[in-house]
Amino acid sequence: EEVEEDVAITEASDTRVVKRELNDRQQQFWEMLEEDFEEDVVPEFGRENLLRIYEFIKYCKYEKEIPELPDMQEIDPEYFPGLRAQPWWEVDEIDTPEWVEKVVAGLPYVQGELADLLEDNEEYLISDSVQNDVMGGVRLPAAPAGRLAVAERELFPKTVQLLKQSDVPLAMRGVIVARQVPETGVQPHSDGRNFFLTAHFGLSVPPDCSITVGGEERQWKEDDCIILDTSFIHSTKNDSDEDRFVLVVDFWHPDLTIPEREALEWIYDFRNKFEQGKIKYVPKLPDGFWETLYVYSAWGGAYTEETIIKQQLALTRSVASGWAASEICV
């Protein structure tokens, strides 16, 4: 849903300043999330260990302005404060490089499962141009077009086992096997979140394939890994006459603490359940007895025809409009 905006004009400079506000559904989401967060997460980790999470929530709710970002980094509104920001990362710059080395050593298992899949049914693989002008991948009913969730254990069981045994600090977007067909490219864009990094493990990389992040172009490495921050503007190209395959792994930013990672995982799990209708909005009741009685009374509007009509209209709009799954702002 679109974000509601109020436009204010300052007298000194006559500059139009856009004040962004949450719509009704977003307000309901954050009201429920913050209430459950205080009950489920804070007691486990302590408020003092979650201060940056509270600040992150303020950015998501448009209560705090995102600071000036490095060149070519774009985040809105899911900005997490206090994290190092650079387009490219070396393996030894992350906190636990051992898992990268383990995955690299196990890539023959992934390559073997990919080869078996292609041999059994090449129709699983759908190219960019056929699907939606983004990287292609394995098309499955349970997966987004052009991408494969490695949670599909029946297709990549050894890959799943490799990731588990390597102790990969998987972030909420998880893992995909991505294909890019010859003479195609992904246009420059940002994924809009800075609290995870992305590792690309080369499964099959022909010449003349590259990815540009933050204005710097690099080649994929077959049987090896490159690490990037997709909150920076990035694009890809395959100028060869062969398909390019990479294993894409999103993992938590190394500057996040364990409590912060757990809290973010809880927040995005809550969002997914809200999207799926597993969590229903229940208005928060006032603390006082008389205030609560007023809410439930006829003179408080609980049983008026107007209230019922509004509820029906709100439900209709909610079902009709849907909700973009990629946005925590709801």
C-alpha atoms as a PDB file:
ATOM      1  CA  GLU A   1       0.000   0.000   0.000  1.00  0.00           C
ATOM      2  CA  GLU A   2       1.077   3.537  -0.619  1.00  0.00           C
ATOM      3  CA  VAL A   3       2.437   5.611   2.226  1.00  0.00           C
ATOM      4  CA  GLU A   4       0.435   8.674   3.167  1.00  0.00           C
ATOM      5  CA  GLU A   5       2.362  11.931   2.838  1.00  0.00           C
ATOM      6  CA  ASP A   6       1.815  15.418   4.238  1.00  0.00           C
ATOM      7  CA  VAL A   7       3.535  18.302   2.485  1.00  0.00           C
ATOM      8  CA  ALA A   8       4.757  21.219   4.573  1.00  0.00           C
ATOM      9  CA  ILE A   9       6.361  24.421   3.256  1.00  0.00           C
ATOM     10  CA  THR A  10       9.009  26.159   5.363  1.00  0.00           C
ATOM     11  CA  GLU A  11       8.720  29.956   5.488  1.00  0.00           C
ATOM     12  CA  ALA A  12      12.467  30.634   5.337  1.00  0.00           C
ATOM     13  CA  SER A  13      13.354  28.747   2.174  1.00  0.00           C
ATOM     14  CA  ASP A  14       9.924  27.984   0.721  1.00  0.00           C
ATOM     15  CA  THR A  15      11.164  24.388   0.437  1.00  0.00           C
ATOM     16  CA  ARG A  16       8.614  21.616   0.145  1.00  0.00           C
ATOM     17  CA  VAL A  17       9.248  19.039   2.888  1.00  0.00           C
ATOM     18  CA  VAL A  18       7.430  15.724   2.607  1.00  0.00           C
ATOM     19  CA  LYS A  19       6.363  14.198   5.903  1.00  0.00           C
ATOM     20  CA  ARG A  20       5.714  10.489   5.514  1.00  0.00           C
ATOM     21  CA  GLU A  21       3.176   8.733   7.710  1.00  0.00           C
ATOM     22  CA  LEU A  22       1.978   5.173   8.149  1.00  0.00           C
ATOM     23  CA  ASN A  23      -1.390   4.226   6.739  1.00  0.00           C
ATOM     24  CA  ASP A  24      -3.995   2.460   8.900  1.00  0.00           C
ATOM     25  CA  ARG A  25      -2.804  -1.057   8.109  1.00  0.00           C
ATOM     26  CA  GLN A  26       0.803  -0.174   8.804  1.00  0.00           C
ATOM     27  CA  GLN A  27      -0.173   1.380  12.103  1.00  0.00           C
ATOM     28  CA  GLN A  28      -2.033  -1.787  13.051  1.00  0.00           C
ATOM     29  CA  PHE A  29       0.987  -3.909  12.157  1.00  0.00           C
ATOM     30  CA  TRP A  30       3.448  -1.888  14.224  1.00  0.00           C
ATOM     31  CA  GLU A  31       1.061  -1.589  17.161  1.00  0.00           C
ATOM     32  CA  MET A  32       0.772  -5.368  17.361  1.00  0.00           C
ATOM     33  CA  LEU A  33       4.443  -6.011  16.685  1.00  0.00           C
ATOM     34  CA  GLU A  34       5.715  -3.630  19.345  1.00  0.00           C
ATOM     35  CA  GLU A  35       3.346  -5.033  21.942  1.00  0.00           C
ATOM     36  CA  ASP A  36       4.438  -8.627  21.254  1.00  0.00           C
ATOM     37  CA  PHE A  37       8.077  -7.554  20.978  1.00  0.00           C
ATOM     38  CA  GLU A  38       7.991  -6.263  24.544  1.00  0.00           C
ATOM     39  CA  GLU A  39       6.496  -9.543  25.753  1.00  0.00           C
ATOM     40  CA  ASP A  40       8.505 -12.063  23.696  1.00  0.00           C
ATOM     41  CA  VAL A  41      11.893 -10.564  22.795  1.00  0.00           C
ATOM     42  CA  VAL A  42      12.837  -7.971  25.401  1.00  0.00           C
ATOM     43  CA  PRO A  43      12.682 -10.339  28.403  1.00  0.00           C
ATOM     44  CA  GLU A  44      14.999 -12.778  26.632  1.00  0.00           C
ATOM     45  CA  PHE A  45      17.729 -10.369  25.528  1.00  0.00           C
ATOM     46  CA  GLY A  46      17.264  -7.261  27.669  1.00  0.00           C
ATOM     47  CA  ARG A  47      16.270  -3.792  26.527  1.00  0.00           C
ATOM     48  CA  GLU A  48      19.853  -2.541  26.861  1.00  0.00           C
ATOM     49  CA  ASN A  49      20.955  -5.023  24.165  1.00  0.00           C
ATOM     50  CA  LEU A  50      18.232  -3.969  21.725  1.00  0.00           C
ATOM     51  CA  LEU A  51      18.675  -0.196  21.576  1.00  0.00           C
ATOM     52  CA  ARG A  52      19.593  -0.228  17.885  1.00  0.00           C
ATOM     53  CA  ILE A  53      16.531  -2.391  17.176  1.00  0.00           C
ATOM     54  CA  TYR A  54      14.323   0.311  18.690  1.00  0.00           C
ATOM     55  CA  GLU A  55      16.075   2.869  16.510  1.00  0.00           C
ATOM     56  CA  PHE A  56      15.592   0.620  13.445  1.00  0.00           C
ATOM     57  CA  ILE A  57      11.860   0.504  14.177  1.00  0.00           C
ATOM     58  CA  LYS A  58      11.736   4.304  14.319  1.00  0.00           C
ATOM     59  CA  TYR A  59      13.243   4.485  10.826  1.00  0.00           C
ATOM     60  CA  CYS A  60      10.726   1.934   9.549  1.00  0.00           C
ATOM     61  CA  LYS A  61       7.849   3.963  11.017  1.00  0.00           C
ATOM     62  CA  TYR A  62       9.134   7.235   9.507  1.00  0.00           C
ATOM     63  CA  GLU A  63       9.663   8.656  12.970  1.00  0.00           C
ATOM     64  CA  LYS A  64      13.344   9.293  12.312  1.00  0.00           C
ATOM     65  CA  GLU A  65      15.047  10.610   9.203  1.00  0.00           C
ATOM     66  CA  ILE A  66      17.614   8.343   7.563  1.00  0.00           C
ATOM     67  CA  PRO A  67      21.066   9.970   7.729  1.00  0.00           C
ATOM     68  CA  GLU A  68      23.119  10.812   4.677  1.00  0.00           C
ATOM     69  CA  LEU A  69      24.330   7.566   3.122  1.00  0.00           C
ATOM     70  CA  PRO A  70      27.539   6.727   1.240  1.00  0.00           C
ATOM     71  CA  ASP A  71      27.550   7.290  -2.491  1.00  0.00           C
ATOM     72  CA  MET A  72      25.318   4.826  -4.366  1.00  0.00           C
ATOM     73  CA  GLN A  73      23.798   3.295  -1.230  1.00  0.00           C
ATOM     74  CA  GLU A  74      19.991   3.478  -1.134  1.00  0.00           C
ATOM     75  CA  ILE A  75      17.919   2.430   1.899  1.00  0.00           C
ATOM     76  CA  ASP A  76      14.300   3.361   2.557  1.00  0.00           C
ATOM     77  CA  PRO A  77      12.954   2.854   5.132  1.00  0.00           C
ATOM     78  CA  GLU A  78      14.588  -0.299   6.556  1.00  0.00           C
ATOM     79  CA  TYR A  79      17.797   1.358   7.759  1.00  0.00           C
ATOM     80  CA  PHE A  80      19.774  -0.230  10.586  1.00  0.00           C
ATOM     81  CA  PRO A  81      22.118   2.258  12.320  1.00  0.00           C
ATOM     82  CA  GLY A  82      25.788   1.835  13.160  1.00  0.00           C
ATOM     83  CA  LEU A  83      26.817  -0.718  10.519  1.00  0.00           C
ATOM     84  CA  ARG A  84      29.848  -0.506   8.264  1.00  0.00           C
ATOM     85  CA  ALA A  85      28.829   0.358   4.715  1.00  0.00           C
ATOM     86  CA  GLN A  86      30.926  -0.682   1.715  1.00  0.00           C
ATOM     87  CA  PRO A  87      29.916  -2.188  -1.643  1.00  0.00           C
ATOM     88  CA  TRP A  88      32.415  -5.048  -1.625  1.00  0.00           C
ATOM     89  CA  TRP A  89      33.692  -7.212   1.217  1.00  0.00           C
ATOM     90  CA  GLU A  90      36.607  -9.590   1.465  1.00  0.00           C
ATOM     91  CA  VAL A  91      36.090 -12.926   3.168  1.00  0.00           C
ATOM     92  CA  ASP A  92      38.495 -12.071   5.985  1.00  0.00           C
ATOM     93  CA  GLU A  93      36.474  -8.929   6.791  1.00  0.00           C
ATOM     94  CA  ILE A  94      33.453 -10.853   8.089  1.00  0.00           C
ATOM     95  CA  ASP A  95      33.273 -12.157  11.644  1.00  0.00           C
ATOM     96  CA  THR A  96      33.188 -15.896  10.838  1.00  0.00           C
ATOM     97  CA  PRO A  97      34.967 -16.549   7.513  1.00  0.00           C
ATOM     98  CA  GLU A  98      35.155 -20.283   8.259  1.00  0.00           C
ATOM     99  CA  TRP A  99      31.651 -20.934   6.963  1.00  0.00           C
ATOM    100  CA  VAL A 100      32.539 -19.415   3.580  1.00  0.00           C
ATOM    101  CA  GLU A 101      35.520 -21.732   3.244  1.00  0.00           C
ATOM    102  CA  LYS A 102      33.377 -24.746   4.138  1.00  0.00           C
ATOM    103  CA  VAL A 103      30.736 -23.868   1.531  1.00  0.00           C
ATOM    104  CA  VAL A 104      33.403 -23.337  -1.133  1.00  0.00           C
ATOM    105  CA  ALA A 105      34.862 -26.755  -0.333  1.00  0.00           C
ATOM    106  CA  GLY A 106      31.405 -28.312  -0.714  1.00  0.00           C
ATOM    107  CA  LEU A 107      30.429 -26.632  -3.997  1.00  0.00           C
ATOM    108  CA  PRO A 108      30.890 -29.867  -5.998  1.00  0.00           C
ATOM    109  CA  TYR A 109      27.800 -31.214  -4.172  1.00  0.00           C
ATOM    110  CA  VAL A 110      25.766 -28.174  -5.254  1.00  0.00           C
ATOM    111  CA  GLN A 111      27.059 -28.381  -8.808  1.00  0.00           C
ATOM    112  CA  GLY A 112      26.183 -32.068  -8.950  1.00  0.00           C
ATOM    113  CA  GLU A 113      22.610 -31.489  -7.787  1.00  0.00           C
ATOM    114  CA  LEU A 114      22.200 -28.650 -10.275  1.00  0.00           C
ATOM    115  CA  ALA A 115      23.483 -30.873 -13.105  1.00  0.00           C
ATOM    116  CA  ASP A 116      21.048 -33.621 -12.115  1.00  0.00           C
ATOM    117  CA  LEU A 117      18.175 -31.151 -12.099  1.00  0.00           C
ATOM    118  CA  LEU A 118      19.046 -29.867 -15.568  1.00  0.00           C
ATOM    119  CA  GLU A 119      19.422 -33.364 -16.892  1.00  0.00           C
ATOM    120  CA  ASP A 120      16.090 -34.526 -15.507  1.00  0.00           C
ATOM    121  CA  ASN A 121      14.027 -31.550 -16.602  1.00  0.00           C
ATOM    122  CA  GLU A 122      15.558 -28.470 -18.171  1.00  0.00           C
ATOM    123  CA  GLU A 123      12.121 -26.827 -18.216  1.00  0.00           C
ATOM    124  CA  TYR A 124      12.584 -26.054 -14.510  1.00  0.00           C
ATOM    125  CA  LEU A 125      14.954 -23.282 -15.565  1.00  0.00           C
ATOM    126  CA  ILE A 126      13.254 -20.165 -16.878  1.00  0.00           C
ATOM    127  CA  SER A 127      15.290 -17.266 -18.224  1.00  0.00           C
ATOM    128  CA  ASP A 128      15.092 -13.559 -17.348  1.00  0.00           C
ATOM    129  CA  SER A 129      13.355 -12.504 -20.531  1.00  0.00           C
ATOM    130  CA  VAL A 130      10.688 -15.198 -20.246  1.00  0.00           C
ATOM    131  CA  GLN A 131       9.787 -14.448 -16.636  1.00  0.00           C
ATOM    132  CA  ASN A 132      10.194 -10.927 -15.347  1.00  0.00           C
ATOM    133  CA  ASP A 133      13.432  -9.298 -16.515  1.00  0.00           C
ATOM    134  CA  VAL A 134      15.363 -10.383 -13.433  1.00  0.00           C
ATOM    135  CA  MET A 135      17.771 -13.213 -12.810  1.00  0.00           C
ATOM    136  CA  GLY A 136      16.392 -16.570 -13.793  1.00  0.00           C
ATOM    137  CA  GLY A 137      16.386 -19.666 -11.683  1.00  0.00           C
ATOM    138  CA  VAL A 138      14.493 -22.855 -10.982  1.00  0.00           C
ATOM    139  CA  ARG A 139      10.765 -22.388 -11.456  1.00  0.00           C
ATOM    140  CA  LEU A 140       8.751 -24.214  -8.806  1.00  0.00           C
ATOM    141  CA  PRO A 141       5.196 -23.605  -7.623  1.00  0.00           C
ATOM    142  CA  ALA A 142       6.428 -22.736  -4.110  1.00  0.00           C
ATOM    143  CA  ALA A 143       9.190 -20.391  -5.215  1.00  0.00           C
ATOM    144  CA  PRO A 144       9.176 -16.871  -6.695  1.00  0.00           C
ATOM    145  CA  ALA A 145       9.595 -16.799 -10.474  1.00  0.00           C
ATOM    146  CA  GLY A 146      13.202 -17.141 -11.465  1.00  0.00           C
ATOM    147  CA  ARG A 147      14.463 -18.190  -8.040  1.00  0.00           C
ATOM    148  CA  LEU A 148      14.797 -21.387  -6.066  1.00  0.00           C
ATOM    149  CA  ALA A 149      14.418 -21.560  -2.322  1.00  0.00           C
ATOM    150  CA  VAL A 150      16.981 -24.099  -1.202  1.00  0.00           C
ATOM    151  CA  ALA A 151      14.421 -25.131   1.389  1.00  0.00           C
ATOM    152  CA  GLU A 152      13.095 -27.314  -1.456  1.00  0.00           C
ATOM    153  CA  ARG A 153      14.960 -30.217   0.076  1.00  0.00           C
ATOM    154  CA  GLU A 154      13.900 -32.811  -2.468  1.00  0.00           C
ATOM    155  CA  LEU A 155      15.824 -30.947  -5.188  1.00  0.00           C
ATOM    156  CA  PHE A 156      18.939 -29.863  -3.273  1.00  0.00           C
ATOM    157  CA  PRO A 157      19.245 -32.067  -0.165  1.00  0.00           C
ATOM    158  CA  LYS A 158      23.052 -32.105  -0.179  1.00  0.00           C
ATOM    159  CA  THR A 159      23.138 -28.322  -0.552  1.00  0.00           C
ATOM    160  CA  VAL A 160      20.851 -27.884   2.437  1.00  0.00           C
ATOM    161  CA  GLN A 161      23.017 -30.254   4.459  1.00  0.00           C
ATOM    162  CA  LEU A 162      26.164 -28.372   3.406  1.00  0.00           C
ATOM    163  CA  LEU A 163      24.739 -25.056   4.580  1.00  0.00           C
ATOM    164  CA  LYS A 164      23.705 -26.559   7.918  1.00  0.00           C
ATOM    165  CA  GLN A 165      27.055 -28.199   8.556  1.00  0.00           C
ATOM    166  CA  SER A 166      28.878 -24.984   7.600  1.00  0.00           C
ATOM    167  CA  ASP A 167      26.946 -22.970  10.231  1.00  0.00           C
ATOM    168  CA  VAL A 168      25.974 -20.279   7.738  1.00  0.00           C
ATOM    169  CA  PRO A 169      24.480 -17.247   9.599  1.00  0.00           C
ATOM    170  CA  LEU A 170      21.515 -17.122   7.221  1.00  0.00           C
ATOM    171  CA  ALA A 171      19.539 -13.879   7.112  1.00  0.00           C
ATOM    172  CA  MET A 172      15.802 -13.764   6.529  1.00  0.00           C
ATOM    173  CA  ARG A 173      15.943 -13.888   2.694  1.00  0.00           C
ATOM    174  CA  GLY A 174      17.789 -17.202   2.748  1.00  0.00           C
ATOM    175  CA  VAL A 175      19.335 -18.945  -0.262  1.00  0.00           C
ATOM    176  CA  ILE A 176      18.649 -19.250  -3.987  1.00  0.00           C
ATOM    177  CA  VAL A 177      20.260 -20.851  -7.003  1.00  0.00           C
ATOM    178  CA  ALA A 178      20.240 -18.194  -9.732  1.00  0.00           C
ATOM    179  CA  ARG A 179      20.683 -18.525 -13.475  1.00  0.00           C
ATOM    180  CA  GLN A 180      21.437 -15.777 -15.963  1.00  0.00           C
ATOM    181  CA  VAL A 181      21.052 -16.666 -19.606  1.00  0.00           C
ATOM    182  CA  PRO A 182      23.358 -15.399 -22.385  1.00  0.00           C
ATOM    183  CA  GLU A 183      23.237 -11.786 -23.507  1.00  0.00           C
ATOM    184  CA  THR A 184      21.095 -10.577 -20.627  1.00  0.00           C
ATOM    185  CA  GLY A 185      21.554  -8.272 -17.670  1.00  0.00           C
ATOM    186  CA  VAL A 186      19.874  -7.024 -14.524  1.00  0.00           C
ATOM    187  CA  GLN A 187      19.349  -3.268 -14.437  1.00  0.00           C
ATOM    188  CA  PRO A 188      20.910  -1.146 -11.635  1.00  0.00           C
ATOM    189  CA  HIS A 189      18.905  -1.301  -8.414  1.00  0.00           C
ATOM    190  CA  SER A 190      19.214  -1.474  -4.627  1.00  0.00           C
ATOM    191  CA  ASP A 191      17.616  -4.093  -2.394  1.00  0.00           C
ATOM    192  CA  GLY A 192      17.020  -1.362   0.204  1.00  0.00           C
ATOM    193  CA  ARG A 193      18.271  -3.072   3.394  1.00  0.00           C
ATOM    194  CA  ASN A 194      21.724  -2.745   4.968  1.00  0.00           C
ATOM    195  CA  PHE A 195      21.634  -5.346   7.738  1.00  0.00           C
ATOM    196  CA  PHE A 196      22.658  -8.361   5.668  1.00  0.00           C
ATOM    197  CA  LEU A 197      25.376  -9.092   3.126  1.00  0.00           C
ATOM    198  CA  THR A 198      25.218 -11.428   0.151  1.00  0.00           C
ATOM    199  CA  ALA A 199      27.678 -14.123  -0.902  1.00  0.00           C
ATOM    200  CA  HIS A 200      27.752 -15.338  -4.513  1.00  0.00           C
ATOM    201  CA  PHE A 201      29.317 -18.773  -4.958  1.00  0.00           C
ATOM    202  CA  GLY A 202      30.222 -19.478  -8.583  1.00  0.00           C
ATOM    203  CA  LEU A 203      28.722 -22.759  -9.809  1.00  0.00           C
ATOM    204  CA  SER A 204      29.220 -22.276 -13.547  1.00  0.00           C
ATOM    205  CA  VAL A 205      30.685 -18.972 -14.707  1.00  0.00           C
ATOM    206  CA  PRO A 206      31.577 -18.435 -18.376  1.00  0.00           C
ATOM    207  CA  PRO A 207      33.799 -15.545 -19.503  1.00  0.00           C
ATOM    208  CA  ASP A 208      32.314 -12.073 -20.016  1.00  0.00           C
ATOM    209  CA  CYS A 209      30.064 -12.255 -16.965  1.00  0.00           C
ATOM    210  CA  SER A 210      30.251  -9.580 -14.289  1.00  0.00           C
ATOM    211  CA  ILE A 211      28.438  -7.782 -11.486  1.00  0.00           C
ATOM    212  CA  THR A 212      28.834  -4.087 -10.672  1.00  0.00           C
ATOM    213  CA  VAL A 213      28.240  -2.899  -7.101  1.00  0.00           C
ATOM    214  CA  GLY A 214      28.608   0.712  -6.027  1.00  0.00           C
ATOM    215  CA  GLY A 215      30.203   1.557  -9.356  1.00  0.00           C
ATOM    216  CA  GLU A 216      32.914  -1.138  -9.125  1.00  0.00           C
ATOM    217  CA  GLU A 217      32.744  -4.059 -11.556  1.00  0.00           C
ATOM    218  CA  ARG A 218      33.999  -7.522 -10.637  1.00  0.00           C
ATOM    219  CA  GLN A 219      33.848 -10.983 -12.156  1.00  0.00           C
ATOM    220  CA  TRP A 220      32.184 -13.958 -10.534  1.00  0.00           C
ATOM    221  CA  LYS A 221      34.621 -16.664  -9.504  1.00  0.00           C
ATOM    222  CA  GLU A 222      33.814 -20.249 -10.390  1.00  0.00           C
ATOM    223  CA  ASP A 223      34.397 -22.584  -7.438  1.00  0.00           C
ATOM    224  CA  ASP A 224      34.909 -19.539  -5.226  1.00  0.00           C
ATOM    225  CA  CYS A 225      33.017 -16.698  -3.531  1.00  0.00           C
ATOM    226  CA  ILE A 226      32.510 -12.941  -3.778  1.00  0.00           C
ATOM    227  CA  ILE A 227      30.701 -10.902  -1.092  1.00  0.00           C
ATOM    228  CA  LEU A 228      28.679  -7.734  -1.682  1.00  0.00           C
ATOM    229  CA  ASP A 229      26.244  -5.369   0.006  1.00  0.00           C
ATOM    230  CA  THR A 230      23.066  -5.227  -2.064  1.00  0.00           C
ATOM    231  CA  SER A 231      21.915  -1.990  -0.407  1.00  0.00           C
ATOM    232  CA  PHE A 232      24.344  -0.376  -2.859  1.00  0.00           C
ATOM    233  CA  ILE A 233      23.221   0.088  -6.446  1.00  0.00           C
ATOM    234  CA  HIS A 234      24.163  -3.081  -8.328  1.00  0.00           C
ATOM    235  CA  SER A 235      23.650  -4.638 -11.738  1.00  0.00           C
ATOM    236  CA  THR A 236      24.731  -7.743 -13.637  1.00  0.00           C
ATOM    237  CA  LYS A 237      25.493  -8.801 -17.194  1.00  0.00           C
ATOM    238  CA  ASN A 238      26.181 -11.973 -19.109  1.00  0.00           C
ATOM    239  CA  ASP A 239      27.747 -11.139 -22.461  1.00  0.00           C
ATOM    240  CA  SER A 240      28.740 -14.744 -23.125  1.00  0.00           C
ATOM    241  CA  ASP A 241      26.883 -17.422 -25.100  1.00  0.00           C
ATOM    242  CA  GLU A 242      26.436 -19.690 -22.061  1.00  0.00           C
ATOM    243  CA  ASP A 243      24.276 -19.745 -18.951  1.00  0.00           C
ATOM    244  CA  ARG A 244      25.747 -18.479 -15.696  1.00  0.00           C
ATOM    245  CA  PHE A 245      24.829 -20.143 -12.378  1.00  0.00           C
ATOM    246  CA  VAL A 246      25.577 -18.919  -8.864  1.00  0.00           C
ATOM    247  CA  LEU A 247      24.532 -19.947  -5.369  1.00  0.00           C
ATOM    248  CA  VAL A 248      23.282 -16.793  -3.628  1.00  0.00           C
ATOM    249  CA  VAL A 249      23.438 -16.735   0.178  1.00  0.00           C
ATOM    250  CA  ASP A 250      22.185 -13.823   2.296  1.00  0.00           C
ATOM    251  CA  PHE A 251      23.789 -13.660   5.746  1.00  0.00           C
ATOM    252  CA  TRP A 252      23.650 -11.254   8.686  1.00  0.00           C
ATOM    253  CA  HIS A 253      25.879  -8.188   8.639  1.00  0.00           C
ATOM    254  CA  PRO A 254      28.945  -8.958  10.798  1.00  0.00           C
ATOM    255  CA  ASP A 255      28.435  -5.790  12.887  1.00  0.00           C
ATOM    256  CA  LEU A 256      25.111  -7.065  14.251  1.00  0.00           C
ATOM    257  CA  THR A 257      25.156  -8.607  17.720  1.00  0.00           C
ATOM    258  CA  ILE A 258      23.536 -11.980  18.377  1.00  0.00           C
ATOM    259  CA  PRO A 259      20.545 -10.371  20.189  1.00  0.00           C
ATOM    260  CA  GLU A 260      20.082  -7.986  17.239  1.00  0.00           C
ATOM    261  CA  ARG A 261      20.108 -10.846  14.730  1.00  0.00           C
ATOM    262  CA  GLU A 262      17.590 -12.786  16.777  1.00  0.00           C
ATOM    263  CA  ALA A 263      15.384  -9.706  17.122  1.00  0.00           C
ATOM    264  CA  LEU A 264      15.443  -8.982  13.388  1.00  0.00           C
ATOM    265  CA  GLU A 265      14.616 -12.592  12.630  1.00  0.00           C
ATOM    266  CA  TRP A 266      11.665 -12.335  15.033  1.00  0.00           C
ATOM    267  CA  ILE A 267      10.467  -9.091  13.410  1.00  0.00           C
ATOM    268  CA  TYR A 268      10.507 -10.499   9.873  1.00  0.00           C
ATOM    269  CA  ASP A 269       8.900 -13.743  10.978  1.00  0.00           C
ATOM    270  CA  PHE A 270       6.141 -11.664  12.599  1.00  0.00           C
ATOM    271  CA  ARG A 271       5.752  -9.723   9.352  1.00  0.00           C
ATOM    272  CA  ASN A 272       5.436 -12.917   7.299  1.00  0.00           C
ATOM    273  CA  LYS A 273       2.756 -14.266   9.626  1.00  0.00           C
ATOM    274  CA  PHE A 274       0.901 -10.945   9.445  1.00  0.00           C
ATOM    275  CA  GLU A 275       1.049 -11.074   5.638  1.00  0.00           C
ATOM    276  CA  GLN A 276      -0.295 -14.616   5.598  1.00  0.00           C
ATOM    277  CA  GLY A 277      -3.210 -13.706   7.849  1.00  0.00           C
ATOM    278  CA  LYS A 278      -1.950 -15.863  10.713  1.00  0.00           C
ATOM    279  CA  ILE A 279      -1.923 -12.810  13.000  1.00  0.00           C
ATOM    280  CA  LYS A 280      -5.146 -10.826  13.229  1.00  0.00           C
ATOM    281  CA  TYR A 281      -5.331  -7.234  14.338  1.00  0.00           C
ATOM    282  CA  VAL A 282      -6.888  -6.726  17.766  1.00  0.00           C
ATOM    283  CA  PRO A 283      -7.226  -3.072  18.862  1.00  0.00           C
ATOM    284  CA  LYS A 284      -5.275  -2.223  21.978  1.00  0.00           C
ATOM    285  CA  LEU A 285      -7.628  -1.470  24.845  1.00  0.00           C
ATOM    286  CA  PRO A 286      -7.220   1.510  27.191  1.00  0.00           C
ATOM    287  CA  ASP A 287      -5.760   0.863  30.637  1.00  0.00           C
ATOM    288  CA  GLY A 288      -8.608   2.411  32.619  1.00  0.00           C
ATOM    289  CA  PHE A 289     -11.886   0.629  33.423  1.00  0.00           C
ATOM    290  CA  TRP A 290     -14.169   3.485  32.359  1.00  0.00           C
ATOM    291  CA  GLU A 291     -12.213   4.085  29.147  1.00  0.00           C
ATOM    292  CA  THR A 292     -12.504   0.379  28.250  1.00  0.00           C
ATOM    293  CA  LEU A 293     -16.219   0.396  29.043  1.00  0.00           C
ATOM    294  CA  TYR A 294     -16.658   3.376  26.753  1.00  0.00           C
ATOM    295  CA  VAL A 295     -14.985   1.567  23.854  1.00  0.00           C
ATOM    296  CA  TYR A 296     -17.366  -1.376  24.175  1.00  0.00           C
ATOM    297  CA  SER A 297     -20.470   0.741  24.707  1.00  0.00           C
ATOM    298  CA  ALA A 298     -22.980   1.821  22.112  1.00  0.00           C
ATOM    299  CA  TRP A 299     -22.298   5.485  22.875  1.00  0.00           C
ATOM    300  CA  GLY A 300     -18.629   4.761  22.340  1.00  0.00           C
ATOM    301  CA  GLY A 301     -19.387   3.722  18.763  1.00  0.00           C
ATOM    302  CA  ALA A 302     -18.878  -0.026  19.161  1.00  0.00           C
ATOM    303  CA  TYR A 303     -22.243  -0.984  17.662  1.00  0.00           C
ATOM    304  CA  THR A 304     -23.066   1.875  15.347  1.00  0.00           C
ATOM    305  CA  GLU A 305     -23.937   1.246  11.712  1.00  0.00           C
ATOM    306  CA  GLU A 306     -21.113   3.591  10.731  1.00  0.00           C
ATOM    307  CA  THR A 307     -18.577   1.496  12.613  1.00  0.00           C
ATOM    308  CA  ILE A 308     -19.770  -1.732  10.969  1.00  0.00           C
ATOM    309  CA  ILE A 309     -19.628  -0.176   7.493  1.00  0.00           C
ATOM    310  CA  LYS A 310     -16.117   1.127   8.132  1.00  0.00           C
ATOM    311  CA  GLN A 311     -14.975  -2.313   9.261  1.00  0.00           C
ATOM    312  CA  GLN A 312     -16.423  -3.939   6.143  1.00  0.00           C
ATOM    313  CA  LEU A 313     -14.807  -1.364   3.849  1.00  0.00           C
ATOM    314  CA  ALA A 314     -11.445  -1.744   5.604  1.00  0.00           C
ATOM    315  CA  LEU A 315     -11.583  -5.517   5.172  1.00  0.00           C
ATOM    316  CA  THR A 316     -12.484  -5.171   1.484  1.00  0.00           C
ATOM    317  CA  ARG A 317      -9.621  -2.756   0.839  1.00  0.00           C
ATOM    318  CA  SER A 318      -7.193  -4.993   2.695  1.00  0.00           C
ATOM    319  CA  VAL A 319      -8.100  -8.078   0.655  1.00  0.00           C
ATOM    320  CA  ALA A 320      -8.142  -6.209  -2.653  1.00  0.00           C
ATOM    321  CA  SER A 321      -4.909  -4.298  -2.278  1.00  0.00           C
ATOM    322  CA  GLY A 322      -2.654  -7.015  -0.834  1.00  0.00           C
ATOM    323  CA  TRP A 323       0.738  -6.250   0.593  1.00  0.00           C
ATOM    324  CA  ALA A 324       4.226  -6.132  -0.924  1.00  0.00           C
ATOM    325  CA  ALA A 325       6.127  -8.924   0.813  1.00  0.00           C
ATOM    326  CA  SER A 326       9.472  -7.194   0.433  1.00  0.00           C
ATOM    327  CA  GLU A 327       8.565  -4.225   2.614  1.00  0.00           C
ATOM    328  CA  ILE A 328       8.728  -4.256   6.401  1.00  0.00           C
ATOM    329  CA  CYS A 329       6.903  -0.920   6.429  1.00  0.00           C
ATOM    330  CA  VAL A 330       3.809  -3.038   5.639  1.00  0.00           C
END
